[in-house]
Amino acid sequence: MEFTFRFIHIFFVGLEYAGPLLIALVFIIILLGQIVGTRESWGWQNSIYWAFITATTVGYGDLPPTKPLSKILSVFTALFGVIFTGIIVAVAVNAATIAFQSVFDINEIKTDIEIN
């Protein structure tokens, strides 16, 4: 349980440091969604929905862009989404590594692996 609490604490501290960048990426994703939505005559809600479905690379396909510029902006939306996701994953891996090292004795684990 100590590992879990330490991981959660370190993870949220990492998100706090990465927060400004993550917020900037969210705003860029929303802006791109609104631009595509305007060109495709979608409402603002559908535009935000489309932007985050595209950014998370889920891509249901229920709101496909049809205009050439919209398709180009779709690629950029997906790229910004991959960066956003990558930052969160990096923060989580870093938090897990630090929490693991602080809770468990690494030398003891190495010895157990070498014996087995």
PDB file of N, CA and C in Angstrom:
ATOM      1  N   MET A   1       0.819  -1.184   0.000  1.00  0.00           N
ATOM      2  CA  MET A   1       0.000   0.000   0.000  1.00  0.00           C
ATOM      3  C   MET A   1       0.874   1.263   0.000  1.00  0.00           C
ATOM      4  N   GLU A   2       2.040   1.149   0.614  1.00  0.00           N
ATOM      5  CA  GLU A   2       2.954   2.295   0.641  1.00  0.00           C
ATOM      6  C   GLU A   2       3.370   2.687  -0.775  1.00  0.00           C
ATOM      7  N   PHE A   3       3.631   1.673  -1.607  1.00  0.00           N
ATOM      8  CA  PHE A   3       4.010   1.930  -3.000  1.00  0.00           C
ATOM      9  C   PHE A   3       2.913   2.701  -3.724  1.00  0.00           C
ATOM     10  N   THR A   4       1.665   2.279  -3.530  1.00  0.00           N
ATOM     11  CA  THR A   4       0.537   2.919  -4.225  1.00  0.00           C
ATOM     12  C   THR A   4       0.412   4.379  -3.839  1.00  0.00           C
ATOM     13  N   PHE A   5       0.466   4.663  -2.548  1.00  0.00           N
ATOM     14  CA  PHE A   5       0.336   6.053  -2.099  1.00  0.00           C
ATOM     15  C   PHE A   5       1.503   6.906  -2.578  1.00  0.00           C
ATOM     16  N   ARG A   6       2.691   6.328  -2.544  1.00  0.00           N
ATOM     17  CA  ARG A   6       3.863   7.077  -3.007  1.00  0.00           C
ATOM     18  C   ARG A   6       3.762   7.333  -4.512  1.00  0.00           C
ATOM     19  N   PHE A   7       3.336   6.308  -5.265  1.00  0.00           N
ATOM     20  CA  PHE A   7       3.167   6.474  -6.713  1.00  0.00           C
ATOM     21  C   PHE A   7       2.168   7.587  -7.019  1.00  0.00           C
ATOM     22  N   ILE A   8       1.013   7.552  -6.369  1.00  0.00           N
ATOM     23  CA  ILE A   8      -0.030   8.558  -6.620  1.00  0.00           C
ATOM     24  C   ILE A   8       0.490   9.954  -6.306  1.00  0.00           C
ATOM     25  N   HIS A   9       1.188  10.085  -5.191  1.00  0.00           N
ATOM     26  CA  HIS A   9       1.726  11.401  -4.818  1.00  0.00           C
ATOM     27  C   HIS A   9       2.715  11.903  -5.871  1.00  0.00           C
ATOM     28  N   ILE A  10       3.662  11.060  -6.237  1.00  0.00           N
ATOM     29  CA  ILE A  10       4.681  11.460  -7.209  1.00  0.00           C
ATOM     30  C   ILE A  10       4.051  11.730  -8.570  1.00  0.00           C
ATOM     31  N   PHE A  11       3.062  10.923  -8.948  1.00  0.00           N
ATOM     32  CA  PHE A  11       2.381  11.110 -10.231  1.00  0.00           C
ATOM     33  C   PHE A  11       1.718  12.484 -10.295  1.00  0.00           C
ATOM     34  N   PHE A  12       0.994  12.848  -9.246  1.00  0.00           N
ATOM     35  CA  PHE A  12       0.294  14.135  -9.270  1.00  0.00           C
ATOM     36  C   PHE A  12       1.254  15.320  -9.178  1.00  0.00           C
ATOM     37  N   VAL A  13       2.375  15.141  -8.488  1.00  0.00           N
ATOM     38  CA  VAL A  13       3.391  16.189  -8.485  1.00  0.00           C
ATOM     39  C   VAL A  13       3.958  16.354  -9.899  1.00  0.00           C
ATOM     40  N   GLY A  14       4.199  15.236 -10.570  1.00  0.00           N
ATOM     41  CA  GLY A  14       4.681  15.293 -11.954  1.00  0.00           C
ATOM     42  C   GLY A  14       3.678  15.967 -12.877  1.00  0.00           C
ATOM     43  N   LEU A  15       2.397  15.667 -12.694  1.00  0.00           N
ATOM     44  CA  LEU A  15       1.368  16.318 -13.503  1.00  0.00           C
ATOM     45  C   LEU A  15       1.309  17.814 -13.221  1.00  0.00           C
ATOM     46  N   GLU A  16       1.569  18.170 -11.968  1.00  0.00           N
ATOM     47  CA  GLU A  16       1.581  19.597 -11.622  1.00  0.00           C
ATOM     48  C   GLU A  16       2.695  20.323 -12.379  1.00  0.00           C
ATOM     49  N   TYR A  17       3.863  19.697 -12.453  1.00  0.00           N
ATOM     50  CA  TYR A  17       4.967  20.309 -13.201  1.00  0.00           C
ATOM     51  C   TYR A  17       4.699  20.328 -14.699  1.00  0.00           C
ATOM     52  N   ALA A  18       4.090  19.269 -15.209  1.00  0.00           N
ATOM     53  CA  ALA A  18       3.806  19.188 -16.644  1.00  0.00           C
ATOM     54  C   ALA A  18       2.507  19.909 -17.001  1.00  0.00           C
ATOM     55  N   GLY A  19       1.778  20.356 -15.999  1.00  0.00           N
ATOM     56  CA  GLY A  19       0.466  20.974 -16.193  1.00  0.00           C
ATOM     57  C   GLY A  19       0.403  22.071 -17.242  1.00  0.00           C
ATOM     58  N   PRO A  20       1.289  23.064 -17.188  1.00  0.00           N
ATOM     59  CA  PRO A  20       1.214  24.133 -18.193  1.00  0.00           C
ATOM     60  C   PRO A  20       1.331  23.612 -19.629  1.00  0.00           C
ATOM     61  N   LEU A  21       2.215  22.652 -19.833  1.00  0.00           N
ATOM     62  CA  LEU A  21       2.367  22.080 -21.176  1.00  0.00           C
ATOM     63  C   LEU A  21       1.117  21.285 -21.566  1.00  0.00           C
ATOM     64  N   LEU A  22       0.590  20.501 -20.637  1.00  0.00           N
ATOM     65  CA  LEU A  22      -0.614  19.718 -20.919  1.00  0.00           C
ATOM     66  C   LEU A  22      -1.804  20.630 -21.222  1.00  0.00           C
ATOM     67  N   ILE A  23      -1.944  21.705 -20.466  1.00  0.00           N
ATOM     68  CA  ILE A  23      -3.040  22.654 -20.712  1.00  0.00           C
ATOM     69  C   ILE A  23      -2.872  23.312 -22.078  1.00  0.00           C
ATOM     70  N   ALA A  24      -1.649  23.679 -22.427  1.00  0.00           N
ATOM     71  CA  ALA A  24      -1.401  24.268 -23.748  1.00  0.00           C
ATOM     72  C   ALA A  24      -1.780  23.291 -24.857  1.00  0.00           C
ATOM     73  N   LEU A  25      -1.433  22.026 -24.687  1.00  0.00           N
ATOM     74  CA  LEU A  25      -1.788  21.020 -25.698  1.00  0.00           C
ATOM     75  C   LEU A  25      -3.303  20.840 -25.795  1.00  0.00           C
ATOM     76  N   VAL A  26      -3.991  20.862 -24.660  1.00  0.00           N
ATOM     77  CA  VAL A  26      -5.456  20.749 -24.678  1.00  0.00           C
ATOM     78  C   VAL A  26      -6.062  21.926 -25.438  1.00  0.00           C
ATOM     79  N   PHE A  27      -5.563  23.129 -25.194  1.00  0.00           N
ATOM     80  CA  PHE A  27      -6.081  24.299 -25.906  1.00  0.00           C
ATOM     81  C   PHE A  27      -5.808  24.208 -27.408  1.00  0.00           C
ATOM     82  N   ILE A  28      -4.640  23.723 -27.777  1.00  0.00           N
ATOM     83  CA  ILE A  28      -4.325  23.559 -29.208  1.00  0.00           C
ATOM     84  C   ILE A  28      -5.268  22.531 -29.833  1.00  0.00           C
ATOM     85  N   ILE A  29      -5.510  21.434 -29.134  1.00  0.00           N
ATOM     86  CA  ILE A  29      -6.409  20.397 -29.649  1.00  0.00           C
ATOM     87  C   ILE A  29      -7.823  20.959 -29.813  1.00  0.00           C
ATOM     88  N   ILE A  30      -8.292  21.713 -28.827  1.00  0.00           N
ATOM     89  CA  ILE A  30      -9.631  22.312 -28.923  1.00  0.00           C
ATOM     90  C   ILE A  30      -9.680  23.320 -30.065  1.00  0.00           C
ATOM     91  N   LEU A  31      -8.638  24.150 -30.213  1.00  0.00           N
ATOM     92  CA  LEU A  31      -8.597  25.141 -31.293  1.00  0.00           C
ATOM     93  C   LEU A  31      -8.638  24.458 -32.663  1.00  0.00           C
ATOM     94  N   LEU A  32      -7.827  23.428 -32.831  1.00  0.00           N
ATOM     95  CA  LEU A  32      -7.848  22.697 -34.099  1.00  0.00           C
ATOM     96  C   LEU A  32      -9.223  22.075 -34.349  1.00  0.00           C
ATOM     97  N   GLY A  33      -9.835  21.545 -33.287  1.00  0.00           N
ATOM     98  CA  GLY A  33     -11.171  20.977 -33.419  1.00  0.00           C
ATOM     99  C   GLY A  33     -12.193  22.018 -33.847  1.00  0.00           C
ATOM    100  N   GLN A  34     -12.084  23.219 -33.295  1.00  0.00           N
ATOM    101  CA  GLN A  34     -13.021  24.281 -33.662  1.00  0.00           C
ATOM    102  C   GLN A  34     -12.808  24.741 -35.107  1.00  0.00           C
ATOM    103  N   ILE A  35     -11.564  24.797 -35.534  1.00  0.00           N
ATOM    104  CA  ILE A  35     -11.282  25.183 -36.926  1.00  0.00           C
ATOM    105  C   ILE A  35     -11.866  24.141 -37.879  1.00  0.00           C
ATOM    106  N   VAL A  36     -11.597  22.872 -37.594  1.00  0.00           N
ATOM    107  CA  VAL A  36     -12.134  21.803 -38.449  1.00  0.00           C
ATOM    108  C   VAL A  36     -13.656  21.805 -38.379  1.00  0.00           C
ATOM    109  N   GLY A  37     -14.208  21.969 -37.186  1.00  0.00           N
ATOM    110  CA  GLY A  37     -15.663  21.978 -37.026  1.00  0.00           C
ATOM    111  C   GLY A  37     -16.332  23.105 -37.796  1.00  0.00           C
ATOM    112  N   THR A  38     -15.709  24.260 -37.809  1.00  0.00           N
ATOM    113  CA  THR A  38     -16.250  25.398 -38.570  1.00  0.00           C
ATOM    114  C   THR A  38     -16.226  25.092 -40.067  1.00  0.00           C
ATOM    115  N   ARG A  39     -15.115  24.557 -40.538  1.00  0.00           N
ATOM    116  CA  ARG A  39     -15.003  24.221 -41.969  1.00  0.00           C
ATOM    117  C   ARG A  39     -15.979  23.118 -42.370  1.00  0.00           C
ATOM    118  N   GLU A  40     -16.255  22.198 -41.441  1.00  0.00           N
ATOM    119  CA  GLU A  40     -17.130  21.062 -41.744  1.00  0.00           C
ATOM    120  C   GLU A  40     -18.592  21.316 -41.351  1.00  0.00           C
ATOM    121  N   SER A  41     -18.874  22.505 -40.824  1.00  0.00           N
ATOM    122  CA  SER A  41     -20.233  22.893 -40.389  1.00  0.00           C
ATOM    123  C   SER A  41     -20.760  22.017 -39.252  1.00  0.00           C
ATOM    124  N   TRP A  42     -19.882  21.695 -38.307  1.00  0.00           N
ATOM    125  CA  TRP A  42     -20.296  20.971 -37.124  1.00  0.00           C
ATOM    126  C   TRP A  42     -20.549  21.987 -36.018  1.00  0.00           C
ATOM    127  N   GLY A  43     -21.327  21.613 -35.025  1.00  0.00           N
ATOM    128  CA  GLY A  43     -21.519  22.457 -33.852  1.00  0.00           C
ATOM    129  C   GLY A  43     -20.263  22.431 -32.981  1.00  0.00           C
ATOM    130  N   TRP A  44     -20.179  23.362 -32.020  1.00  0.00           N
ATOM    131  CA  TRP A  44     -18.978  23.432 -31.177  1.00  0.00           C
ATOM    132  C   TRP A  44     -18.808  22.176 -30.329  1.00  0.00           C
ATOM    133  N   GLN A  45     -19.915  21.571 -29.902  1.00  0.00           N
ATOM    134  CA  GLN A  45     -19.814  20.358 -29.087  1.00  0.00           C
ATOM    135  C   GLN A  45     -19.276  19.191 -29.907  1.00  0.00           C
ATOM    136  N   ASN A  46     -19.787  19.047 -31.115  1.00  0.00           N
ATOM    137  CA  ASN A  46     -19.279  17.986 -31.993  1.00  0.00           C
ATOM    138  C   ASN A  46     -17.814  18.231 -32.358  1.00  0.00           C
ATOM    139  N   SER A  47     -17.451  19.498 -32.479  1.00  0.00           N
ATOM    140  CA  SER A  47     -16.059  19.827 -32.815  1.00  0.00           C
ATOM    141  C   SER A  47     -15.107  19.421 -31.695  1.00  0.00           C
ATOM    142  N   ILE A  48     -15.484  19.707 -30.461  1.00  0.00           N
ATOM    143  CA  ILE A  48     -14.643  19.315 -29.321  1.00  0.00           C
ATOM    144  C   ILE A  48     -14.605  17.794 -29.199  1.00  0.00           C
ATOM    145  N   TYR A  49     -15.767  17.168 -29.354  1.00  0.00           N
ATOM    146  CA  TYR A  49     -15.836  15.698 -29.315  1.00  0.00           C
ATOM    147  C   TYR A  49     -14.901  15.110 -30.374  1.00  0.00           C
ATOM    148  N   TRP A  50     -15.014  15.599 -31.608  1.00  0.00           N
ATOM    149  CA  TRP A  50     -14.177  15.090 -32.694  1.00  0.00           C
ATOM    150  C   TRP A  50     -12.693  15.296 -32.380  1.00  0.00           C
ATOM    151  N   ALA A  51     -12.347  16.479 -31.838  1.00  0.00           N
ATOM    152  CA  ALA A  51     -10.945  16.792 -31.564  1.00  0.00           C
ATOM    153  C   ALA A  51     -10.351  15.794 -30.572  1.00  0.00           C
ATOM    154  N   PHE A  52     -11.082  15.472 -29.512  1.00  0.00           N
ATOM    155  CA  PHE A  52     -10.519  14.574 -28.514  1.00  0.00           C
ATOM    156  C   PHE A  52     -10.577  13.116 -28.942  1.00  0.00           C
ATOM    157  N   ILE A  53     -11.561  12.744 -29.733  1.00  0.00           N
ATOM    158  CA  ILE A  53     -11.586  11.384 -30.280  1.00  0.00           C
ATOM    159  C   ILE A  53     -10.410  11.208 -31.246  1.00  0.00           C
ATOM    160  N   THR A  54     -10.107  12.247 -32.003  1.00  0.00           N
ATOM    161  CA  THR A  54      -8.970  12.196 -32.923  1.00  0.00           C
ATOM    162  C   THR A  54      -7.651  12.258 -32.152  1.00  0.00           C
ATOM    163  N   ALA A  55      -7.573  13.142 -31.150  1.00  0.00           N
ATOM    164  CA  ALA A  55      -6.337  13.309 -30.383  1.00  0.00           C
ATOM    165  C   ALA A  55      -5.973  12.048 -29.606  1.00  0.00           C
ATOM    166  N   THR A  56      -6.960  11.315 -29.147  1.00  0.00           N
ATOM    167  CA  THR A  56      -6.670  10.076 -28.417  1.00  0.00           C
ATOM    168  C   THR A  56      -6.483   8.902 -29.366  1.00  0.00           C
ATOM    169  N   THR A  57      -6.532   9.162 -30.641  1.00  0.00           N
ATOM    170  CA  THR A  57      -6.382   8.190 -31.733  1.00  0.00           C
ATOM    171  C   THR A  57      -7.418   7.078 -31.673  1.00  0.00           C
ATOM    172  N   VAL A  58      -8.559   7.352 -31.052  1.00  0.00           N
ATOM    173  CA  VAL A  58      -9.662   6.387 -31.057  1.00  0.00           C
ATOM    174  C   VAL A  58     -10.307   6.407 -32.436  1.00  0.00           C
ATOM    175  N   GLY A  59     -10.670   7.586 -32.909  1.00  0.00           N
ATOM    176  CA  GLY A  59     -11.172   7.768 -34.261  1.00  0.00           C
ATOM    177  C   GLY A  59     -12.364   6.910 -34.617  1.00  0.00           C
ATOM    178  N   TYR A  60     -13.498   7.162 -33.990  1.00  0.00           N
ATOM    179  CA  TYR A  60     -14.694   6.363 -34.261  1.00  0.00           C
ATOM    180  C   TYR A  60     -15.142   6.459 -35.722  1.00  0.00           C
ATOM    181  N   GLY A  61     -14.882   7.580 -36.372  1.00  0.00           N
ATOM    182  CA  GLY A  61     -15.275   7.733 -37.768  1.00  0.00           C
ATOM    183  C   GLY A  61     -16.686   8.245 -37.957  1.00  0.00           C
ATOM    184  N   ASP A  62     -17.350   8.626 -36.869  1.00  0.00           N
ATOM    185  CA  ASP A  62     -18.722   9.126 -36.995  1.00  0.00           C
ATOM    186  C   ASP A  62     -18.765  10.563 -37.499  1.00  0.00           C
ATOM    187  N   LEU A  63     -17.673  11.316 -37.373  1.00  0.00           N
ATOM    188  CA  LEU A  63     -17.576  12.678 -37.902  1.00  0.00           C
ATOM    189  C   LEU A  63     -16.305  12.792 -38.750  1.00  0.00           C
ATOM    190  N   PRO A  64     -16.313  12.214 -39.925  1.00  0.00           N
ATOM    191  CA  PRO A  64     -15.091  12.284 -40.740  1.00  0.00           C
ATOM    192  C   PRO A  64     -14.967  13.630 -41.450  1.00  0.00           C
ATOM    193  N   PRO A  65     -13.800  14.241 -41.419  1.00  0.00           N
ATOM    194  CA  PRO A  65     -13.599  15.476 -42.179  1.00  0.00           C
ATOM    195  C   PRO A  65     -13.573  15.168 -43.675  1.00  0.00           C
ATOM    196  N   THR A  66     -14.156  16.049 -44.451  1.00  0.00           N
ATOM    197  CA  THR A  66     -14.237  15.820 -45.901  1.00  0.00           C
ATOM    198  C   THR A  66     -13.410  16.798 -46.717  1.00  0.00           C
ATOM    199  N   LYS A  67     -13.099  17.947 -46.162  1.00  0.00           N
ATOM    200  CA  LYS A  67     -12.354  18.962 -46.901  1.00  0.00           C
ATOM    201  C   LYS A  67     -10.852  18.739 -46.721  1.00  0.00           C
ATOM    202  N   PRO A  68     -10.056  19.063 -47.746  1.00  0.00           N
ATOM    203  CA  PRO A  68      -8.612  18.801 -47.689  1.00  0.00           C
ATOM    204  C   PRO A  68      -7.903  19.439 -46.484  1.00  0.00           C
ATOM    205  N   LEU A  69      -8.192  20.717 -46.199  1.00  0.00           N
ATOM    206  CA  LEU A  69      -7.539  21.365 -45.065  1.00  0.00           C
ATOM    207  C   LEU A  69      -7.947  20.705 -43.752  1.00  0.00           C
ATOM    208  N   SER A  70      -9.191  20.296 -43.644  1.00  0.00           N
ATOM    209  CA  SER A  70      -9.664  19.608 -42.438  1.00  0.00           C
ATOM    210  C   SER A  70      -8.914  18.295 -42.228  1.00  0.00           C
ATOM    211  N   LYS A  71      -8.643  17.601 -43.306  1.00  0.00           N
ATOM    212  CA  LYS A  71      -7.896  16.338 -43.203  1.00  0.00           C
ATOM    213  C   LYS A  71      -6.461  16.581 -42.747  1.00  0.00           C
ATOM    214  N   ILE A  72      -5.847  17.657 -43.241  1.00  0.00           N
ATOM    215  CA  ILE A  72      -4.487  18.001 -42.827  1.00  0.00           C
ATOM    216  C   ILE A  72      -4.470  18.359 -41.339  1.00  0.00           C
ATOM    217  N   LEU A  73      -5.454  19.155 -40.912  1.00  0.00           N
ATOM    218  CA  LEU A  73      -5.536  19.533 -39.506  1.00  0.00           C
ATOM    219  C   LEU A  73      -5.828  18.327 -38.617  1.00  0.00           C
ATOM    220  N   SER A  74      -6.480  17.325 -39.172  1.00  0.00           N
ATOM    221  CA  SER A  74      -6.734  16.084 -38.421  1.00  0.00           C
ATOM    222  C   SER A  74      -5.427  15.399 -38.048  1.00  0.00           C
ATOM    223  N   VAL A  75      -4.490  15.410 -38.964  1.00  0.00           N
ATOM    224  CA  VAL A  75      -3.188  14.793 -38.707  1.00  0.00           C
ATOM    225  C   VAL A  75      -2.482  15.539 -37.566  1.00  0.00           C
ATOM    226  N   PHE A  76      -2.526  16.868 -37.595  1.00  0.00           N
ATOM    227  CA  PHE A  76      -1.894  17.648 -36.535  1.00  0.00           C
ATOM    228  C   PHE A  76      -2.597  17.451 -35.197  1.00  0.00           C
ATOM    229  N   THR A  77      -3.913  17.329 -35.230  1.00  0.00           N
ATOM    230  CA  THR A  77      -4.660  17.059 -34.001  1.00  0.00           C
ATOM    231  C   THR A  77      -4.212  15.732 -33.399  1.00  0.00           C
ATOM    232  N   ALA A  78      -4.073  14.726 -34.231  1.00  0.00           N
ATOM    233  CA  ALA A  78      -3.627  13.415 -33.745  1.00  0.00           C
ATOM    234  C   ALA A  78      -2.204  13.489 -33.210  1.00  0.00           C
ATOM    235  N   LEU A  79      -1.327  14.229 -33.871  1.00  0.00           N
ATOM    236  CA  LEU A  79       0.060  14.353 -33.401  1.00  0.00           C
ATOM    237  C   LEU A  79       0.125  15.048 -32.040  1.00  0.00           C
ATOM    238  N   PHE A  80      -0.638  16.122 -31.873  1.00  0.00           N
ATOM    239  CA  PHE A  80      -0.669  16.797 -30.572  1.00  0.00           C
ATOM    240  C   PHE A  80      -1.255  15.875 -29.506  1.00  0.00           C
ATOM    241  N   GLY A  81      -2.213  15.057 -29.886  1.00  0.00           N
ATOM    242  CA  GLY A  81      -2.790  14.093 -28.947  1.00  0.00           C
ATOM    243  C   GLY A  81      -1.794  13.034 -28.526  1.00  0.00           C
ATOM    244  N   VAL A  82      -0.978  12.579 -29.456  1.00  0.00           N
ATOM    245  CA  VAL A  82       0.055  11.578 -29.130  1.00  0.00           C
ATOM    246  C   VAL A  82       1.088  12.192 -28.179  1.00  0.00           C
ATOM    247  N   ILE A  83       1.454  13.449 -28.412  1.00  0.00           N
ATOM    248  CA  ILE A  83       2.386  14.133 -27.505  1.00  0.00           C
ATOM    249  C   ILE A  83       1.765  14.250 -26.116  1.00  0.00           C
ATOM    250  N   PHE A  84       0.494  14.648 -26.054  1.00  0.00           N
ATOM    251  CA  PHE A  84      -0.222  14.772 -24.786  1.00  0.00           C
ATOM    252  C   PHE A  84      -0.217  13.447 -24.024  1.00  0.00           C
ATOM    253  N   THR A  85      -0.585  12.380 -24.715  1.00  0.00           N
ATOM    254  CA  THR A  85      -0.619  11.056 -24.096  1.00  0.00           C
ATOM    255  C   THR A  85       0.776  10.611 -23.675  1.00  0.00           C
ATOM    256  N   GLY A  86       1.761  10.874 -24.502  1.00  0.00           N
ATOM    257  CA  GLY A  86       3.134  10.494 -24.197  1.00  0.00           C
ATOM    258  C   GLY A  86       3.658  11.166 -22.942  1.00  0.00           C
ATOM    259  N   ILE A  87       3.300  12.423 -22.739  1.00  0.00           N
ATOM    260  CA  ILE A  87       3.744  13.131 -21.537  1.00  0.00           C
ATOM    261  C   ILE A  87       3.134  12.493 -20.303  1.00  0.00           C
ATOM    262  N   ILE A  88       1.844  12.172 -20.362  1.00  0.00           N
ATOM    263  CA  ILE A  88       1.182  11.547 -19.211  1.00  0.00           C
ATOM    264  C   ILE A  88       1.799  10.169 -18.920  1.00  0.00           C
ATOM    265  N   VAL A  89       2.068   9.405 -19.959  1.00  0.00           N
ATOM    266  CA  VAL A  89       2.692   8.092 -19.768  1.00  0.00           C
ATOM    267  C   VAL A  89       4.096   8.253 -19.183  1.00  0.00           C
ATOM    268  N   ALA A  90       4.854   9.223 -19.668  1.00  0.00           N
ATOM    269  CA  ALA A  90       6.207   9.449 -19.139  1.00  0.00           C
ATOM    270  C   ALA A  90       6.172   9.834 -17.663  1.00  0.00           C
ATOM    271  N   VAL A  91       5.222  10.672 -17.290  1.00  0.00           N
ATOM    272  CA  VAL A  91       5.085  11.055 -15.881  1.00  0.00           C
ATOM    273  C   VAL A  91       4.736   9.830 -15.043  1.00  0.00           C
ATOM    274  N   ALA A  92       3.848   8.979 -15.556  1.00  0.00           N
ATOM    275  CA  ALA A  92       3.447   7.770 -14.818  1.00  0.00           C
ATOM    276  C   ALA A  92       4.611   6.797 -14.668  1.00  0.00           C
ATOM    277  N   VAL A  93       5.383   6.592 -15.717  1.00  0.00           N
ATOM    278  CA  VAL A  93       6.536   5.681 -15.644  1.00  0.00           C
ATOM    279  C   VAL A  93       7.577   6.228 -14.672  1.00  0.00           C
ATOM    280  N   ASN A  94       7.810   7.526 -14.730  1.00  0.00           N
ATOM    281  CA  ASN A  94       8.760   8.142 -13.808  1.00  0.00           C
ATOM    282  C   ASN A  94       8.285   7.977 -12.361  1.00  0.00           C
ATOM    283  N   ALA A  95       7.007   8.207 -12.122  1.00  0.00           N
ATOM    284  CA  ALA A  95       6.459   8.062 -10.770  1.00  0.00           C
ATOM    285  C   ALA A  95       6.580   6.626 -10.286  1.00  0.00           C
ATOM    286  N   ALA A  96       6.290   5.670 -11.153  1.00  0.00           N
ATOM    287  CA  ALA A  96       6.398   4.259 -10.768  1.00  0.00           C
ATOM    288  C   ALA A  96       7.840   3.886 -10.462  1.00  0.00           C
ATOM    289  N   THR A  97       8.770   4.375 -11.253  1.00  0.00           N
ATOM    290  CA  THR A  97      10.187   4.078 -11.034  1.00  0.00           C
ATOM    291  C   THR A  97      10.669   4.639  -9.701  1.00  0.00           C
ATOM    292  N   ILE A  98      10.340   5.900  -9.447  1.00  0.00           N
ATOM    293  CA  ILE A  98      10.775   6.526  -8.193  1.00  0.00           C
ATOM    294  C   ILE A  98      10.117   5.832  -6.997  1.00  0.00           C
ATOM    295  N   ALA A  99       8.819   5.570  -7.102  1.00  0.00           N
ATOM    296  CA  ALA A  99       8.112   4.908  -5.999  1.00  0.00           C
ATOM    297  C   ALA A  99       8.680   3.516  -5.752  1.00  0.00           C
ATOM    298  N   PHE A 100       8.965   2.794  -6.813  1.00  0.00           N
ATOM    299  CA  PHE A 100       9.529   1.443  -6.685  1.00  0.00           C
ATOM    300  C   PHE A 100      10.882   1.492  -5.987  1.00  0.00           C
ATOM    301  N   GLN A 101      11.726   2.404  -6.428  1.00  0.00           N
ATOM    302  CA  GLN A 101      13.066   2.501  -5.852  1.00  0.00           C
ATOM    303  C   GLN A 101      13.038   2.946  -4.399  1.00  0.00           C
ATOM    304  N   SER A 102      12.067   3.778  -4.043  1.00  0.00           N
ATOM    305  CA  SER A 102      12.037   4.270  -2.670  1.00  0.00           C
ATOM    306  C   SER A 102      11.398   3.278  -1.704  1.00  0.00           C
ATOM    307  N   VAL A 103      10.535   2.410  -2.190  1.00  0.00           N
ATOM    308  CA  VAL A 103       9.844   1.460  -1.315  1.00  0.00           C
ATOM    309  C   VAL A 103      10.614   0.151  -1.195  1.00  0.00           C
ATOM    310  N   PHE A 104      11.180  -0.309  -2.307  1.00  0.00           N
ATOM    311  CA  PHE A 104      11.868  -1.598  -2.318  1.00  0.00           C
ATOM    312  C   PHE A 104      13.370  -1.396  -2.397  1.00  0.00           C
ATOM    313  N   ASP A 105      14.093  -2.294  -1.797  1.00  0.00           N
ATOM    314  CA  ASP A 105      15.548  -2.260  -1.856  1.00  0.00           C
ATOM    315  C   ASP A 105      15.985  -2.923  -3.161  1.00  0.00           C
ATOM    316  N   ILE A 106      16.519  -2.140  -4.068  1.00  0.00           N
ATOM    317  CA  ILE A 106      16.901  -2.634  -5.392  1.00  0.00           C
ATOM    318  C   ILE A 106      17.982  -3.708  -5.280  1.00  0.00           C
ATOM    319  N   ASN A 107      18.957  -3.559  -4.392  1.00  0.00           N
ATOM    320  CA  ASN A 107      20.032  -4.549  -4.257  1.00  0.00           C
ATOM    321  C   ASN A 107      19.485  -5.895  -3.803  1.00  0.00           C
ATOM    322  N   GLU A 108      18.480  -5.870  -2.923  1.00  0.00           N
ATOM    323  CA  GLU A 108      17.867  -7.115  -2.457  1.00  0.00           C
ATOM    324  C   GLU A 108      17.158  -7.831  -3.604  1.00  0.00           C
ATOM    325  N   ILE A 109      16.495  -7.082  -4.455  1.00  0.00           N
ATOM    326  CA  ILE A 109      15.781  -7.670  -5.592  1.00  0.00           C
ATOM    327  C   ILE A 109      16.779  -8.264  -6.585  1.00  0.00           C
ATOM    328  N   LYS A 110      17.888  -7.569  -6.845  1.00  0.00           N
ATOM    329  CA  LYS A 110      18.904  -8.081  -7.761  1.00  0.00           C
ATOM    330  C   LYS A 110      19.481  -9.393  -7.241  1.00  0.00           C
ATOM    331  N   THR A 111      19.709  -9.476  -5.929  1.00  0.00           N
ATOM    332  CA  THR A 111      20.240 -10.694  -5.333  1.00  0.00           C
ATOM    333  C   THR A 111      19.256 -11.851  -5.500  1.00  0.00           C
ATOM    334  N   ASP A 112      17.980 -11.585  -5.278  1.00  0.00           N
ATOM    335  CA  ASP A 112      16.953 -12.628  -5.441  1.00  0.00           C
ATOM    336  C   ASP A 112      16.894 -13.109  -6.894  1.00  0.00           C
ATOM    337  N   ILE A 113      17.034 -12.217  -7.839  1.00  0.00           N
ATOM    338  CA  ILE A 113      16.984 -12.600  -9.259  1.00  0.00           C
ATOM    339  C   ILE A 113      18.201 -13.438  -9.608  1.00  0.00           C
ATOM    340  N   GLU A 114      19.381 -13.077  -9.110  1.00  0.00           N
ATOM    341  CA  GLU A 114      20.592 -13.824  -9.412  1.00  0.00           C
ATOM    342  C   GLU A 114      20.565 -15.218  -8.804  1.00  0.00           C
ATOM    343  N   ILE A 115      19.960 -15.373  -7.631  1.00  0.00           N
ATOM    344  CA  ILE A 115      19.881 -16.687  -6.981  1.00  0.00           C
ATOM    345  C   ILE A 115      18.951 -17.614  -7.755  1.00  0.00           C
ATOM    346  N   ASN A 116      17.842 -17.088  -8.216  1.00  0.00           N
ATOM    347  CA  ASN A 116      16.866 -17.906  -8.934  1.00  0.00           C
ATOM    348  C   ASN A 116      17.329 -18.075 -10.354  1.00  0.00           C
TER     349      ASN A 116
END
